[in-house]
Amino acid sequence: MRMKMFSLAGWMAGLSLVVTTVATAEPVTVRLPETPDKRALVLRSLDGKILAQGSVTVTASDGRVTSQVVFNFTDGSAHDETTVFSQNDVFRLLSYRLAQKGPAFRSALVMTLDTQAGRAIVRHSEGSGPESVEDEALGLSSDIANGIMIPMLKNLGPGTVSAVASWVAATPKPRHVKLAISNAGAEPYPSAGPNRRAIHYVVKAEIGGVAGFLAPLVGKQPPDTHVWILEGAAPLFVKSEGPLFVGGPVWRIEAP
């Protein structure tokens, strides 16, 4: 797997699993370090319409990784997400910057996270209105998954049924959300070759404390996001389905 991405939330319920459940709130152990790479991405609506062309560029040196995911939309909108994280023994987010603008998004925003300082800052504006700034001290935990969800999922391994992580959502006020990760099992993925399978992961914003501030903002439970990781000695991201922003539509990202 040589790929990193952005935003995830979802859950698969009612499944009968035959392996022992493993849940952890600790940072994910690095089994397969990320390596330098550049890979094309395509963003589509669920009916298959191409909305944006994109790419992910990864650089790595001395246990420190920088990943940039960019999408350029057909309507002129832009999504730019840069993540810096360490992969010495465990994956640990160091800094994160998300910039979104254009008609594809509810508002123009720039969110930055500094895990060492424990601060999250969101600058946002609606239409031609003035910019507002939200600056929060969140006490960011060591399991923050913004920008590193895909490497984390790749390193969970097929025997891990469930895990938990944290997420900072721009609502636009930055909010610290707990995520529940579930392994929904391996599925045939014939487009990758005969007899190839992909592990289907789903991640959900946990209800409880989250419901009080997140659900009213979007008018409903945040939609499921699904991620497929191709099995093998070097697992690969192949597809995800979920929103790129709070309250946004479910879009599909594919790695051709």
C-alpha atoms as a PDB file:
ATOM      1  CA  MET A   1       0.000   0.000   0.000  1.00  0.00           C
ATOM      2  CA  ARG A   2       1.483   3.294  -1.028  1.00  0.00           C
ATOM      3  CA  MET A   3      -1.421   5.573  -0.529  1.00  0.00           C
ATOM      4  CA  LYS A   4      -2.753   8.049   2.027  1.00  0.00           C
ATOM      5  CA  MET A   5      -5.933   9.909   2.170  1.00  0.00           C
ATOM      6  CA  PHE A   6      -8.279  12.168   4.036  1.00  0.00           C
ATOM      7  CA  SER A   7     -11.590  11.962   5.473  1.00  0.00           C
ATOM      8  CA  LEU A   8     -13.485   8.717   6.804  1.00  0.00           C
ATOM      9  CA  ALA A   9     -16.580   7.712   8.935  1.00  0.00           C
ATOM     10  CA  GLY A  10     -18.764   4.564   8.815  1.00  0.00           C
ATOM     11  CA  TRP A  11     -19.884   1.239  10.324  1.00  0.00           C
ATOM     12  CA  MET A  12     -21.114  -2.224   9.327  1.00  0.00           C
ATOM     13  CA  ALA A  13     -23.519  -3.823  11.817  1.00  0.00           C
ATOM     14  CA  GLY A  14     -25.088  -7.258  12.176  1.00  0.00           C
ATOM     15  CA  LEU A  15     -22.134  -9.240  10.801  1.00  0.00           C
ATOM     16  CA  SER A  16     -21.199 -12.632  12.213  1.00  0.00           C
ATOM     17  CA  LEU A  17     -17.389 -12.779  12.496  1.00  0.00           C
ATOM     18  CA  VAL A  18     -15.440 -15.937  13.169  1.00  0.00           C
ATOM     19  CA  VAL A  19     -12.253 -14.381  14.543  1.00  0.00           C
ATOM     20  CA  THR A  20     -11.640 -12.869  17.940  1.00  0.00           C
ATOM     21  CA  THR A  21     -12.443  -9.157  18.183  1.00  0.00           C
ATOM     22  CA  VAL A  22      -9.437  -6.934  18.805  1.00  0.00           C
ATOM     23  CA  ALA A  23     -10.111  -3.311  19.755  1.00  0.00           C
ATOM     24  CA  THR A  24      -7.422  -0.790  20.510  1.00  0.00           C
ATOM     25  CA  ALA A  25      -7.220   2.916  21.254  1.00  0.00           C
ATOM     26  CA  GLU A  26      -3.450   2.887  20.972  1.00  0.00           C
ATOM     27  CA  PRO A  27      -1.504   4.151  17.932  1.00  0.00           C
ATOM     28  CA  VAL A  28      -1.302   1.515  15.200  1.00  0.00           C
ATOM     29  CA  THR A  29       1.947  -0.452  15.073  1.00  0.00           C
ATOM     30  CA  VAL A  30       3.958  -0.019  11.865  1.00  0.00           C
ATOM     31  CA  ARG A  31       4.344  -3.339  10.064  1.00  0.00           C
ATOM     32  CA  LEU A  32       4.629  -1.942   6.519  1.00  0.00           C
ATOM     33  CA  PRO A  33       6.300   1.496   6.444  1.00  0.00           C
ATOM     34  CA  GLU A  34       5.140   3.988   3.842  1.00  0.00           C
ATOM     35  CA  THR A  35       7.561   4.597   0.952  1.00  0.00           C
ATOM     36  CA  PRO A  36       7.959   7.449  -1.569  1.00  0.00           C
ATOM     37  CA  ASP A  37       5.352   7.296  -4.287  1.00  0.00           C
ATOM     38  CA  LYS A  38       3.035   9.267  -6.545  1.00  0.00           C
ATOM     39  CA  ARG A  39      -0.286   7.829  -7.628  1.00  0.00           C
ATOM     40  CA  ALA A  40      -3.284   9.099  -9.595  1.00  0.00           C
ATOM     41  CA  LEU A  41      -6.738   9.312  -8.021  1.00  0.00           C
ATOM     42  CA  VAL A  42     -10.219   9.801  -9.446  1.00  0.00           C
ATOM     43  CA  LEU A  43     -13.179  11.246  -7.535  1.00  0.00           C
ATOM     44  CA  ARG A  44     -16.655  10.221  -8.729  1.00  0.00           C
ATOM     45  CA  SER A  45     -20.263  10.490  -7.688  1.00  0.00           C
ATOM     46  CA  LEU A  46     -21.862   7.175  -6.758  1.00  0.00           C
ATOM     47  CA  ASP A  47     -23.477   7.012 -10.213  1.00  0.00           C
ATOM     48  CA  GLY A  48     -19.996   7.045 -11.778  1.00  0.00           C
ATOM     49  CA  LYS A  49     -19.739  10.671 -12.945  1.00  0.00           C
ATOM     50  CA  ILE A  50     -16.185  12.025 -12.725  1.00  0.00           C
ATOM     51  CA  LEU A  51     -16.118  15.037 -10.401  1.00  0.00           C
ATOM     52  CA  ALA A  52     -12.369  15.563 -10.012  1.00  0.00           C
ATOM     53  CA  GLN A  53      -8.965  14.277 -11.025  1.00  0.00           C
ATOM     54  CA  GLY A  54      -6.375  13.994  -8.303  1.00  0.00           C
ATOM     55  CA  SER A  55      -3.171  12.505  -7.018  1.00  0.00           C
ATOM     56  CA  VAL A  56      -1.389  11.497  -3.849  1.00  0.00           C
ATOM     57  CA  THR A  57       2.306  12.282  -3.468  1.00  0.00           C
ATOM     58  CA  VAL A  58       4.322  10.679  -0.686  1.00  0.00           C
ATOM     59  CA  THR A  59       7.834  11.450   0.505  1.00  0.00           C
ATOM     60  CA  ALA A  60       9.556   9.582   3.338  1.00  0.00           C
ATOM     61  CA  SER A  61      12.884   9.920   5.132  1.00  0.00           C
ATOM     62  CA  ASP A  62      14.207   8.814   8.530  1.00  0.00           C
ATOM     63  CA  GLY A  63      10.829   7.674   9.804  1.00  0.00           C
ATOM     64  CA  ARG A  64       9.038  10.897   8.817  1.00  0.00           C
ATOM     65  CA  VAL A  65       6.424  10.900   6.035  1.00  0.00           C
ATOM     66  CA  THR A  66       4.726  13.737   4.162  1.00  0.00           C
ATOM     67  CA  SER A  67       1.614  12.953   2.129  1.00  0.00           C
ATOM     68  CA  GLN A  68      -0.268  15.390  -0.098  1.00  0.00           C
ATOM     69  CA  VAL A  69      -3.646  14.564  -1.611  1.00  0.00           C
ATOM     70  CA  VAL A  70      -4.966  16.993  -4.238  1.00  0.00           C
ATOM     71  CA  PHE A  71      -8.245  17.014  -6.158  1.00  0.00           C
ATOM     72  CA  ASN A  72      -9.002  19.488  -8.961  1.00  0.00           C
ATOM     73  CA  PHE A  73     -12.746  19.514  -9.661  1.00  0.00           C
ATOM     74  CA  THR A  74     -14.395  20.010 -13.038  1.00  0.00           C
ATOM     75  CA  ASP A  75     -16.332  22.963 -11.551  1.00  0.00           C
ATOM     76  CA  GLY A  76     -13.123  24.717 -10.426  1.00  0.00           C
ATOM     77  CA  SER A  77     -13.274  23.579  -6.799  1.00  0.00           C
ATOM     78  CA  ALA A  78     -10.105  22.368  -5.075  1.00  0.00           C
ATOM     79  CA  HIS A  79      -9.233  20.026  -2.221  1.00  0.00           C
ATOM     80  CA  ASP A  80      -5.655  20.054  -0.869  1.00  0.00           C
ATOM     81  CA  GLU A  81      -4.696  17.909   2.113  1.00  0.00           C
ATOM     82  CA  THR A  82      -1.152  17.704   3.503  1.00  0.00           C
ATOM     83  CA  THR A  83      -0.257  15.335   6.328  1.00  0.00           C
ATOM     84  CA  VAL A  84       3.045  14.916   8.170  1.00  0.00           C
ATOM     85  CA  PHE A  85       3.406  11.865  10.393  1.00  0.00           C
ATOM     86  CA  SER A  86       6.041   9.665  11.947  1.00  0.00           C
ATOM     87  CA  GLN A  87       6.282   5.917  11.426  1.00  0.00           C
ATOM     88  CA  ASN A  88       8.854   4.956  14.025  1.00  0.00           C
ATOM     89  CA  ASP A  89       7.282   1.867  15.624  1.00  0.00           C
ATOM     90  CA  VAL A  90       3.763   3.389  15.489  1.00  0.00           C
ATOM     91  CA  PHE A  91       1.922   5.817  13.225  1.00  0.00           C
ATOM     92  CA  ARG A  92       1.663   9.213  14.898  1.00  0.00           C
ATOM     93  CA  LEU A  93       0.255  12.390  13.351  1.00  0.00           C
ATOM     94  CA  LEU A  94       2.558  15.420  13.627  1.00  0.00           C
ATOM     95  CA  SER A  95       0.733  18.060  11.599  1.00  0.00           C
ATOM     96  CA  TYR A  96      -2.192  18.322   9.210  1.00  0.00           C
ATOM     97  CA  ARG A  97      -3.536  20.962   6.851  1.00  0.00           C
ATOM     98  CA  LEU A  98      -6.786  20.733   4.871  1.00  0.00           C
ATOM     99  CA  ALA A  99      -7.831  23.427   2.382  1.00  0.00           C
ATOM    100  CA  GLN A 100     -11.128  23.302   0.478  1.00  0.00           C
ATOM    101  CA  LYS A 101     -12.734  25.929  -1.716  1.00  0.00           C
ATOM    102  CA  GLY A 102     -15.241  26.251  -4.539  1.00  0.00           C
ATOM    103  CA  PRO A 103     -18.884  25.374  -5.233  1.00  0.00           C
ATOM    104  CA  ALA A 104     -18.402  21.675  -4.486  1.00  0.00           C
ATOM    105  CA  PHE A 105     -18.026  22.503  -0.786  1.00  0.00           C
ATOM    106  CA  ARG A 106     -20.373  23.963   1.806  1.00  0.00           C
ATOM    107  CA  SER A 107     -17.812  26.653   2.704  1.00  0.00           C
ATOM    108  CA  ALA A 108     -14.247  27.653   1.972  1.00  0.00           C
ATOM    109  CA  LEU A 109     -12.050  26.492   4.827  1.00  0.00           C
ATOM    110  CA  VAL A 110      -8.503  25.867   5.928  1.00  0.00           C
ATOM    111  CA  MET A 111      -8.008  23.601   8.945  1.00  0.00           C
ATOM    112  CA  THR A 112      -4.620  23.072  10.569  1.00  0.00           C
ATOM    113  CA  LEU A 113      -3.705  20.656  13.354  1.00  0.00           C
ATOM    114  CA  ASP A 114      -0.563  20.749  15.468  1.00  0.00           C
ATOM    115  CA  THR A 115      -0.531  17.654  17.669  1.00  0.00           C
ATOM    116  CA  GLN A 116       2.525  18.756  19.646  1.00  0.00           C
ATOM    117  CA  ALA A 117       0.837  22.009  20.627  1.00  0.00           C
ATOM    118  CA  GLY A 118      -2.578  20.330  20.911  1.00  0.00           C
ATOM    119  CA  ARG A 119      -4.265  23.001  18.823  1.00  0.00           C
ATOM    120  CA  ALA A 120      -6.745  22.990  15.953  1.00  0.00           C
ATOM    121  CA  ILE A 121      -7.470  26.128  13.910  1.00  0.00           C
ATOM    122  CA  VAL A 122     -10.219  26.452  11.295  1.00  0.00           C
ATOM    123  CA  ARG A 123     -10.534  29.492   9.024  1.00  0.00           C
ATOM    124  CA  HIS A 124     -13.808  29.459   7.097  1.00  0.00           C
ATOM    125  CA  SER A 125     -16.121  31.696   5.099  1.00  0.00           C
ATOM    126  CA  GLU A 126     -19.526  31.328   3.469  1.00  0.00           C
ATOM    127  CA  GLY A 127     -19.813  32.683  -0.075  1.00  0.00           C
ATOM    128  CA  SER A 128     -18.470  36.225  -0.217  1.00  0.00           C
ATOM    129  CA  GLY A 129     -18.878  36.671   3.555  1.00  0.00           C
ATOM    130  CA  PRO A 130     -16.063  37.550   5.942  1.00  0.00           C
ATOM    131  CA  GLU A 131     -13.644  34.956   7.220  1.00  0.00           C
ATOM    132  CA  SER A 132     -14.208  33.509  10.679  1.00  0.00           C
ATOM    133  CA  VAL A 133     -11.514  31.849  12.786  1.00  0.00           C
ATOM    134  CA  GLU A 134     -12.020  29.020  15.270  1.00  0.00           C
ATOM    135  CA  ASP A 135      -8.979  28.313  17.458  1.00  0.00           C
ATOM    136  CA  GLU A 136      -9.325  25.431  19.905  1.00  0.00           C
ATOM    137  CA  ALA A 137      -7.024  23.718  22.391  1.00  0.00           C
ATOM    138  CA  LEU A 138      -8.173  20.125  22.050  1.00  0.00           C
ATOM    139  CA  GLY A 139      -5.575  18.116  23.892  1.00  0.00           C
ATOM    140  CA  LEU A 140      -5.064  16.044  20.747  1.00  0.00           C
ATOM    141  CA  SER A 141      -4.562  12.352  21.508  1.00  0.00           C
ATOM    142  CA  SER A 142      -1.897  10.029  20.133  1.00  0.00           C
ATOM    143  CA  ASP A 143      -4.422   8.112  17.991  1.00  0.00           C
ATOM    144  CA  ILE A 144      -5.541  11.057  15.814  1.00  0.00           C
ATOM    145  CA  ALA A 145      -6.204   9.602  12.340  1.00  0.00           C
ATOM    146  CA  ASN A 146      -6.653  12.720  10.165  1.00  0.00           C
ATOM    147  CA  GLY A 147      -4.734  12.097   6.954  1.00  0.00           C
ATOM    148  CA  ILE A 148      -3.346   8.704   8.018  1.00  0.00           C
ATOM    149  CA  MET A 149      -6.420   6.478   8.064  1.00  0.00           C
ATOM    150  CA  ILE A 150      -5.371   4.473   4.999  1.00  0.00           C
ATOM    151  CA  PRO A 151      -1.866   3.576   6.284  1.00  0.00           C
ATOM    152  CA  MET A 152      -3.455   2.678   9.617  1.00  0.00           C
ATOM    153  CA  LEU A 153      -6.010   0.377   7.983  1.00  0.00           C
ATOM    154  CA  LYS A 154      -3.331  -1.281   5.898  1.00  0.00           C
ATOM    155  CA  ASN A 155      -1.356  -2.066   9.030  1.00  0.00           C
ATOM    156  CA  LEU A 156      -4.245  -3.456  11.085  1.00  0.00           C
ATOM    157  CA  GLY A 157      -3.995  -6.778   9.283  1.00  0.00           C
ATOM    158  CA  PRO A 158      -6.804  -9.156   8.271  1.00  0.00           C
ATOM    159  CA  GLY A 159      -7.059 -10.663  11.770  1.00  0.00           C
ATOM    160  CA  THR A 160      -8.117  -7.389  13.391  1.00  0.00           C
ATOM    161  CA  VAL A 161     -11.887  -7.190  13.588  1.00  0.00           C
ATOM    162  CA  SER A 162     -12.250  -3.790  15.251  1.00  0.00           C
ATOM    163  CA  ALA A 163     -10.277  -0.829  16.504  1.00  0.00           C
ATOM    164  CA  VAL A 164     -10.864   2.748  17.585  1.00  0.00           C
ATOM    165  CA  ALA A 165      -9.232   6.041  16.664  1.00  0.00           C
ATOM    166  CA  SER A 166      -9.781   9.778  16.992  1.00  0.00           C
ATOM    167  CA  TRP A 167     -10.674  12.389  14.390  1.00  0.00           C
ATOM    168  CA  VAL A 168     -10.851  16.181  14.324  1.00  0.00           C
ATOM    169  CA  ALA A 169     -13.849  17.309  12.264  1.00  0.00           C
ATOM    170  CA  ALA A 170     -14.377  20.870  11.009  1.00  0.00           C
ATOM    171  CA  THR A 171     -18.053  21.554  11.742  1.00  0.00           C
ATOM    172  CA  PRO A 172     -16.707  24.302  11.039  1.00  0.00           C
ATOM    173  CA  LYS A 173     -15.710  24.556  14.707  1.00  0.00           C
ATOM    174  CA  PRO A 174     -13.026  21.887  15.263  1.00  0.00           C
ATOM    175  CA  ARG A 175     -14.458  18.917  17.162  1.00  0.00           C
ATOM    176  CA  HIS A 176     -12.681  15.891  18.608  1.00  0.00           C
ATOM    177  CA  VAL A 177     -14.608  12.748  17.553  1.00  0.00           C
ATOM    178  CA  LYS A 178     -14.055   9.091  18.418  1.00  0.00           C
ATOM    179  CA  LEU A 179     -14.207   6.623  15.533  1.00  0.00           C
ATOM    180  CA  ALA A 180     -15.148   2.944  15.633  1.00  0.00           C
ATOM    181  CA  ILE A 181     -13.400   0.899  12.940  1.00  0.00           C
ATOM    182  CA  SER A 182     -14.843  -2.429  11.804  1.00  0.00           C
ATOM    183  CA  ASN A 183     -13.489  -5.118   9.487  1.00  0.00           C
ATOM    184  CA  ALA A 184     -16.463  -6.248   7.384  1.00  0.00           C
ATOM    185  CA  GLY A 185     -14.519  -9.116   5.823  1.00  0.00           C
ATOM    186  CA  ALA A 186     -12.721  -9.829   2.563  1.00  0.00           C
ATOM    187  CA  GLU A 187     -14.575  -9.531  -0.736  1.00  0.00           C
ATOM    188  CA  PRO A 188     -13.686 -10.649  -4.279  1.00  0.00           C
ATOM    189  CA  TYR A 189     -12.071  -7.828  -6.265  1.00  0.00           C
ATOM    190  CA  PRO A 190     -11.802  -9.205  -9.810  1.00  0.00           C
ATOM    191  CA  SER A 191     -10.676  -5.910 -11.368  1.00  0.00           C
ATOM    192  CA  ALA A 192      -7.356  -6.394  -9.549  1.00  0.00           C
ATOM    193  CA  GLY A 193      -6.852  -9.826 -11.050  1.00  0.00           C
ATOM    194  CA  PRO A 194      -8.205 -13.376 -10.736  1.00  0.00           C
ATOM    195  CA  ASN A 195      -8.785 -14.601  -7.188  1.00  0.00           C
ATOM    196  CA  ARG A 196      -7.821 -11.216  -5.668  1.00  0.00           C
ATOM    197  CA  ARG A 197      -9.709 -10.010  -2.615  1.00  0.00           C
ATOM    198  CA  ALA A 198      -9.991  -6.695  -0.790  1.00  0.00           C
ATOM    199  CA  ILE A 199     -10.654  -6.204   2.917  1.00  0.00           C
ATOM    200  CA  HIS A 200     -13.704  -4.000   3.415  1.00  0.00           C
ATOM    201  CA  TYR A 201     -13.330  -1.587   6.333  1.00  0.00           C
ATOM    202  CA  VAL A 202     -15.976   0.744   7.716  1.00  0.00           C
ATOM    203  CA  VAL A 203     -15.501   3.523  10.277  1.00  0.00           C
ATOM    204  CA  LYS A 204     -18.168   5.264  12.338  1.00  0.00           C
ATOM    205  CA  ALA A 205     -18.283   8.449  14.374  1.00  0.00           C
ATOM    206  CA  GLU A 206     -19.374   7.125  17.757  1.00  0.00           C
ATOM    207  CA  ILE A 207     -22.762   8.284  18.993  1.00  0.00           C
ATOM    208  CA  GLY A 208     -23.065   9.542  22.538  1.00  0.00           C
ATOM    209  CA  GLY A 209     -21.095  12.704  23.129  1.00  0.00           C
ATOM    210  CA  VAL A 210     -20.756  13.116  19.370  1.00  0.00           C
ATOM    211  CA  ALA A 211     -24.506  13.110  18.783  1.00  0.00           C
ATOM    212  CA  GLY A 212     -24.976  16.269  20.813  1.00  0.00           C
ATOM    213  CA  PHE A 213     -22.994  18.445  18.448  1.00  0.00           C
ATOM    214  CA  LEU A 214     -22.462  16.560  15.184  1.00  0.00           C
ATOM    215  CA  ALA A 215     -25.825  15.011  14.295  1.00  0.00           C
ATOM    216  CA  PRO A 216     -27.793  18.296  14.633  1.00  0.00           C
ATOM    217  CA  LEU A 217     -25.300  20.057  12.388  1.00  0.00           C
ATOM    218  CA  VAL A 218     -25.759  17.632   9.503  1.00  0.00           C
ATOM    219  CA  GLY A 219     -29.411  16.851  10.228  1.00  0.00           C
ATOM    220  CA  LYS A 220     -28.804  13.109  10.598  1.00  0.00           C
ATOM    221  CA  GLN A 221     -26.286  10.457  11.539  1.00  0.00           C
ATOM    222  CA  PRO A 222     -23.116  10.996   9.434  1.00  0.00           C
ATOM    223  CA  PRO A 223     -23.208   8.628   6.438  1.00  0.00           C
ATOM    224  CA  ASP A 224     -21.129   5.496   6.338  1.00  0.00           C
ATOM    225  CA  THR A 225     -17.754   5.580   4.652  1.00  0.00           C
ATOM    226  CA  HIS A 226     -16.329   2.349   3.273  1.00  0.00           C
ATOM    227  CA  VAL A 227     -12.702   1.586   2.392  1.00  0.00           C
ATOM    228  CA  TRP A 228     -11.321  -1.366   0.429  1.00  0.00           C
ATOM    229  CA  ILE A 229      -7.694  -2.486   0.900  1.00  0.00           C
ATOM    230  CA  LEU A 230      -6.340  -5.105  -1.496  1.00  0.00           C
ATOM    231  CA  GLU A 231      -4.936  -8.147   0.314  1.00  0.00           C
ATOM    232  CA  GLY A 232      -1.367  -9.302  -0.189  1.00  0.00           C
ATOM    233  CA  ALA A 233       2.199  -8.889   1.021  1.00  0.00           C
ATOM    234  CA  ALA A 234       1.991  -5.212   0.024  1.00  0.00           C
ATOM    235  CA  PRO A 235      -1.639  -4.165   0.606  1.00  0.00           C
ATOM    236  CA  LEU A 236      -2.993  -1.464  -1.696  1.00  0.00           C
ATOM    237  CA  PHE A 237      -5.800   1.054  -1.353  1.00  0.00           C
ATOM    238  CA  VAL A 238      -8.258   0.497  -4.201  1.00  0.00           C
ATOM    239  CA  LYS A 239     -11.452   2.397  -3.342  1.00  0.00           C
ATOM    240  CA  SER A 240     -13.352   4.381  -0.736  1.00  0.00           C
ATOM    241  CA  GLU A 241     -16.864   5.781  -0.484  1.00  0.00           C
ATOM    242  CA  GLY A 242     -17.694   8.597   1.911  1.00  0.00           C
ATOM    243  CA  PRO A 243     -17.966  12.382   2.365  1.00  0.00           C
ATOM    244  CA  LEU A 244     -15.037  14.780   2.054  1.00  0.00           C
ATOM    245  CA  PHE A 245     -16.569  17.242   4.515  1.00  0.00           C
ATOM    246  CA  VAL A 246     -19.128  17.259   7.329  1.00  0.00           C
ATOM    247  CA  GLY A 247     -22.618  17.157   5.832  1.00  0.00           C
ATOM    248  CA  GLY A 248     -21.275  16.508   2.344  1.00  0.00           C
ATOM    249  CA  PRO A 249     -22.465  13.913  -0.168  1.00  0.00           C
ATOM    250  CA  VAL A 250     -21.001  10.439  -0.387  1.00  0.00           C
ATOM    251  CA  TRP A 251     -18.371  10.342  -3.121  1.00  0.00           C
ATOM    252  CA  ARG A 252     -16.204   7.520  -4.436  1.00  0.00           C
ATOM    253  CA  ILE A 253     -12.415   7.744  -4.652  1.00  0.00           C
ATOM    254  CA  GLU A 254     -10.606   5.235  -6.846  1.00  0.00           C
ATOM    255  CA  ALA A 255      -6.930   4.522  -7.461  1.00  0.00           C
ATOM    256  CA  PRO A 256      -6.789   3.447 -11.131  1.00  0.00           C
END
